[in-house]
N, C-alpha and C. Protein backbone atom coordinates (compact mmCIF):
# COMPACT_ATOMS: atom_id res chain seq x y z
N MET A 1 -61.83 -9.67 -14.69
CA MET A 1 -60.61 -9.88 -14.89
C MET A 1 -59.79 -8.66 -15.37
N ARG A 2 -60.09 -7.90 -15.79
CA ARG A 2 -59.21 -6.55 -16.18
C ARG A 2 -59.13 -6.13 -14.74
N HIS A 3 -59.82 -5.80 -13.65
CA HIS A 3 -59.57 -5.18 -12.57
C HIS A 3 -58.44 -5.96 -11.88
N LEU A 4 -58.51 -7.39 -12.05
CA LEU A 4 -57.58 -8.18 -11.13
C LEU A 4 -56.39 -8.24 -12.01
N LYS A 5 -56.25 -8.32 -13.44
CA LYS A 5 -55.24 -7.53 -13.72
C LYS A 5 -54.13 -6.29 -13.30
N TRP A 6 -55.45 -5.43 -13.38
CA TRP A 6 -54.66 -3.84 -12.92
C TRP A 6 -54.01 -3.92 -11.65
N THR A 7 -54.95 -4.63 -10.83
CA THR A 7 -54.45 -4.71 -9.19
C THR A 7 -53.20 -5.47 -9.06
N LEU A 8 -52.97 -6.57 -9.83
CA LEU A 8 -51.60 -7.27 -9.47
C LEU A 8 -50.51 -6.21 -10.47
N TYR A 9 -50.58 -5.60 -11.35
CA TYR A 9 -49.32 -4.83 -11.96
C TYR A 9 -49.40 -3.78 -10.98
N VAL A 10 -50.42 -3.28 -10.17
CA VAL A 10 -50.10 -2.01 -9.55
C VAL A 10 -49.02 -2.54 -7.98
N ALA A 11 -49.60 -3.52 -7.83
CA ALA A 11 -49.15 -4.46 -6.36
C ALA A 11 -47.56 -4.73 -6.79
N GLY A 12 -47.33 -5.40 -8.19
CA GLY A 12 -46.03 -5.68 -8.74
C GLY A 12 -45.18 -4.42 -8.37
N PHE A 13 -45.61 -3.37 -9.26
CA PHE A 13 -44.97 -2.19 -9.24
C PHE A 13 -44.28 -1.76 -7.97
N PHE A 14 -45.22 -1.64 -6.74
CA PHE A 14 -44.96 -1.35 -5.46
C PHE A 14 -43.94 -2.18 -4.74
N VAL A 15 -43.84 -3.68 -5.15
CA VAL A 15 -43.09 -4.63 -4.83
C VAL A 15 -41.54 -4.07 -5.35
N VAL A 16 -41.47 -3.92 -6.76
CA VAL A 16 -40.27 -3.78 -7.12
C VAL A 16 -39.61 -2.23 -6.59
N LEU A 17 -40.75 -1.24 -6.53
CA LEU A 17 -40.18 0.14 -5.67
C LEU A 17 -39.61 -0.10 -4.29
N LEU A 18 -40.09 -1.17 -3.49
CA LEU A 18 -39.88 -1.67 -2.02
C LEU A 18 -38.47 -2.44 -2.21
N VAL A 19 -38.39 -3.29 -3.21
CA VAL A 19 -37.10 -3.70 -3.23
C VAL A 19 -35.65 -3.15 -3.46
N PHE A 20 -36.26 -2.00 -4.52
CA PHE A 20 -34.84 -1.34 -4.99
C PHE A 20 -34.71 -0.17 -4.10
N PHE A 21 -35.69 0.61 -3.56
CA PHE A 21 -35.30 1.81 -3.18
C PHE A 21 -35.62 1.49 -1.43
N GLY A 22 -35.96 0.47 -0.64
CA GLY A 22 -36.07 0.31 0.57
C GLY A 22 -34.50 -0.32 0.95
N SER A 23 -33.55 -0.88 0.27
CA SER A 23 -32.44 -1.24 0.77
C SER A 23 -31.57 0.14 0.80
N ARG A 24 -31.60 0.97 -0.27
CA ARG A 24 -30.85 2.11 -0.15
C ARG A 24 -31.28 3.21 1.35
N SER A 25 -32.19 3.03 1.42
CA SER A 25 -32.63 4.00 2.56
C SER A 25 -31.93 3.44 4.20
N THR A 26 -32.03 2.27 4.34
CA THR A 26 -31.42 1.59 5.28
C THR A 26 -29.89 2.11 5.50
N ALA A 27 -29.06 1.75 4.29
CA ALA A 27 -27.34 1.82 4.13
C ALA A 27 -27.38 3.43 4.24
N GLN A 28 -28.07 4.26 4.07
CA GLN A 28 -27.96 5.77 4.23
C GLN A 28 -28.54 6.17 5.80
N LEU A 29 -29.25 5.43 6.04
CA LEU A 29 -29.67 6.09 7.55
C LEU A 29 -28.58 5.24 8.85
N ALA A 30 -27.93 4.43 8.09
CA ALA A 30 -26.99 3.73 9.05
C ALA A 30 -25.60 4.68 8.92
N GLU A 31 -25.36 5.01 7.65
CA GLU A 31 -24.53 6.32 7.64
C GLU A 31 -24.49 7.64 8.21
N LYS A 32 -25.69 7.99 8.25
CA LYS A 32 -26.28 9.08 9.42
C LYS A 32 -25.81 8.86 10.82
N GLU A 33 -26.30 7.67 11.12
CA GLU A 33 -26.50 7.60 12.48
C GLU A 33 -25.28 6.92 13.57
N ASN A 34 -24.37 6.64 12.25
CA ASN A 34 -23.25 5.53 13.19
C ASN A 34 -22.12 6.15 12.68
N HIS A 35 -21.19 6.91 13.39
CA HIS A 35 -20.09 7.72 13.26
C HIS A 35 -18.99 6.53 12.82
N CYS A 36 -19.17 5.39 13.48
CA CYS A 36 -18.00 4.59 13.12
C CYS A 36 -18.17 3.95 11.50
N PHE A 37 -19.50 3.77 11.24
CA PHE A 37 -19.70 3.51 9.93
C PHE A 37 -18.93 4.49 8.96
N THR A 38 -19.22 5.66 9.32
CA THR A 38 -18.51 6.56 8.37
C THR A 38 -17.26 6.67 8.36
N CYS A 39 -16.50 6.58 9.56
CA CYS A 39 -14.73 6.40 9.33
C CYS A 39 -14.35 5.22 8.92
N HIS A 40 -15.01 4.36 9.22
CA HIS A 40 -13.94 2.74 8.65
C HIS A 40 -14.80 2.43 7.21
N THR A 41 -15.26 3.21 6.74
CA THR A 41 -15.52 3.01 5.43
C THR A 41 -14.50 4.20 4.66
N ASN A 42 -13.65 4.92 5.46
CA ASN A 42 -12.86 6.05 4.49
C ASN A 42 -11.48 5.72 4.98
N ALA A 43 -11.06 5.38 4.09
CA ALA A 43 -9.67 4.86 4.25
C ALA A 43 -8.84 5.95 4.83
N GLN A 44 -8.86 7.03 4.48
CA GLN A 44 -7.84 8.07 4.56
C GLN A 44 -8.12 8.74 6.24
N LYS A 45 -9.13 8.65 6.42
CA LYS A 45 -9.75 8.72 7.96
C LYS A 45 -9.03 7.84 8.93
N LEU A 46 -9.17 6.57 8.16
CA LEU A 46 -8.87 5.49 9.21
C LEU A 46 -7.78 5.30 9.03
N ILE A 47 -6.77 5.75 8.59
CA ILE A 47 -5.34 6.05 8.74
C ILE A 47 -4.76 7.11 9.61
N GLN A 48 -5.63 8.17 9.24
CA GLN A 48 -5.10 9.48 10.15
C GLN A 48 -5.48 8.82 11.86
N ILE A 49 -6.72 8.10 11.89
CA ILE A 49 -7.12 7.70 13.18
C ILE A 49 -5.75 6.91 13.75
N THR A 50 -5.28 5.98 13.10
CA THR A 50 -4.23 4.99 13.40
C THR A 50 -3.22 5.70 13.58
N ARG A 51 -2.88 6.72 12.82
CA ARG A 51 -1.66 7.60 13.58
C ARG A 51 -1.58 8.34 14.59
N GLU A 52 -2.95 8.86 14.84
CA GLU A 52 -3.03 9.45 15.98
C GLU A 52 -2.94 8.49 17.49
N ILE A 53 -3.50 7.29 17.26
CA ILE A 53 -3.50 6.34 18.34
C ILE A 53 -2.18 6.35 18.63
N ALA A 54 -0.94 5.84 17.57
CA ALA A 54 -0.14 5.37 17.69
C ALA A 54 0.81 6.40 18.53
N LYS A 55 0.63 7.74 18.10
CA LYS A 55 1.29 8.91 18.90
C LYS A 55 1.01 9.09 20.34
N VAL A 56 -0.30 8.73 20.82
CA VAL A 56 -0.65 8.48 22.23
C VAL A 56 -0.05 7.43 22.74
N ASP A 57 0.05 6.23 22.30
CA ASP A 57 0.46 4.83 22.74
C ASP A 57 1.93 5.42 23.12
N LYS A 58 2.65 6.37 22.40
CA LYS A 58 4.33 6.26 22.44
C LYS A 58 4.81 5.84 23.47
N GLY A 59 4.39 6.65 24.32
CA GLY A 59 4.93 6.88 25.49
C GLY A 59 4.43 5.55 26.78
N ARG A 60 3.92 5.13 26.31
CA ARG A 60 3.35 4.03 27.42
C ARG A 60 4.15 2.77 27.30
N PRO A 61 4.40 2.05 28.29
CA PRO A 61 4.96 1.01 28.57
C PRO A 61 4.49 0.04 27.72
N GLY A 62 5.35 -0.92 27.33
CA GLY A 62 4.66 -2.23 26.59
C GLY A 62 4.42 -3.25 27.18
N ALA A 63 4.24 -4.63 26.83
CA ALA A 63 3.98 -5.46 27.90
C ALA A 63 5.19 -5.79 28.47
N SER A 64 4.71 -6.33 29.85
CA SER A 64 5.91 -6.86 31.24
C SER A 64 6.68 -8.13 30.17
N ALA A 65 7.90 -7.96 30.86
CA ALA A 65 8.77 -9.56 30.66
C ALA A 65 7.87 -10.83 31.03
N GLU A 66 7.21 -10.88 31.92
CA GLU A 66 6.64 -12.16 32.42
C GLU A 66 5.62 -12.38 31.51
N THR A 67 4.97 -11.41 30.66
CA THR A 67 3.88 -12.05 29.88
C THR A 67 4.45 -12.43 28.23
N GLU A 68 5.65 -11.61 28.16
CA GLU A 68 6.48 -11.52 26.88
C GLU A 68 6.20 -13.04 26.04
N GLY A 69 5.86 -13.02 24.91
CA GLY A 69 5.67 -14.39 24.34
C GLY A 69 4.72 -15.21 24.85
N GLU A 70 3.79 -14.88 25.38
CA GLU A 70 2.52 -15.66 25.70
C GLU A 70 1.56 -15.41 24.99
N GLY A 71 0.84 -16.19 24.60
CA GLY A 71 -0.48 -15.83 23.83
C GLY A 71 -1.32 -17.03 23.83
């Protein structure tokens, strides 16, 4: 009986560790591997990238008169 209780305590301890620390490692791996995740969770970088895209698109023509207003 004592052996069974001890085994259940140890198993429960490992389950608690997996629940708390398992989810953290997934988020950390995603942040390291995915460049989009890093940029799009940082507001300053997102604003900077949006401004750079607007500068590049400034000289490009907009939509044609034929398709204007259609959606």
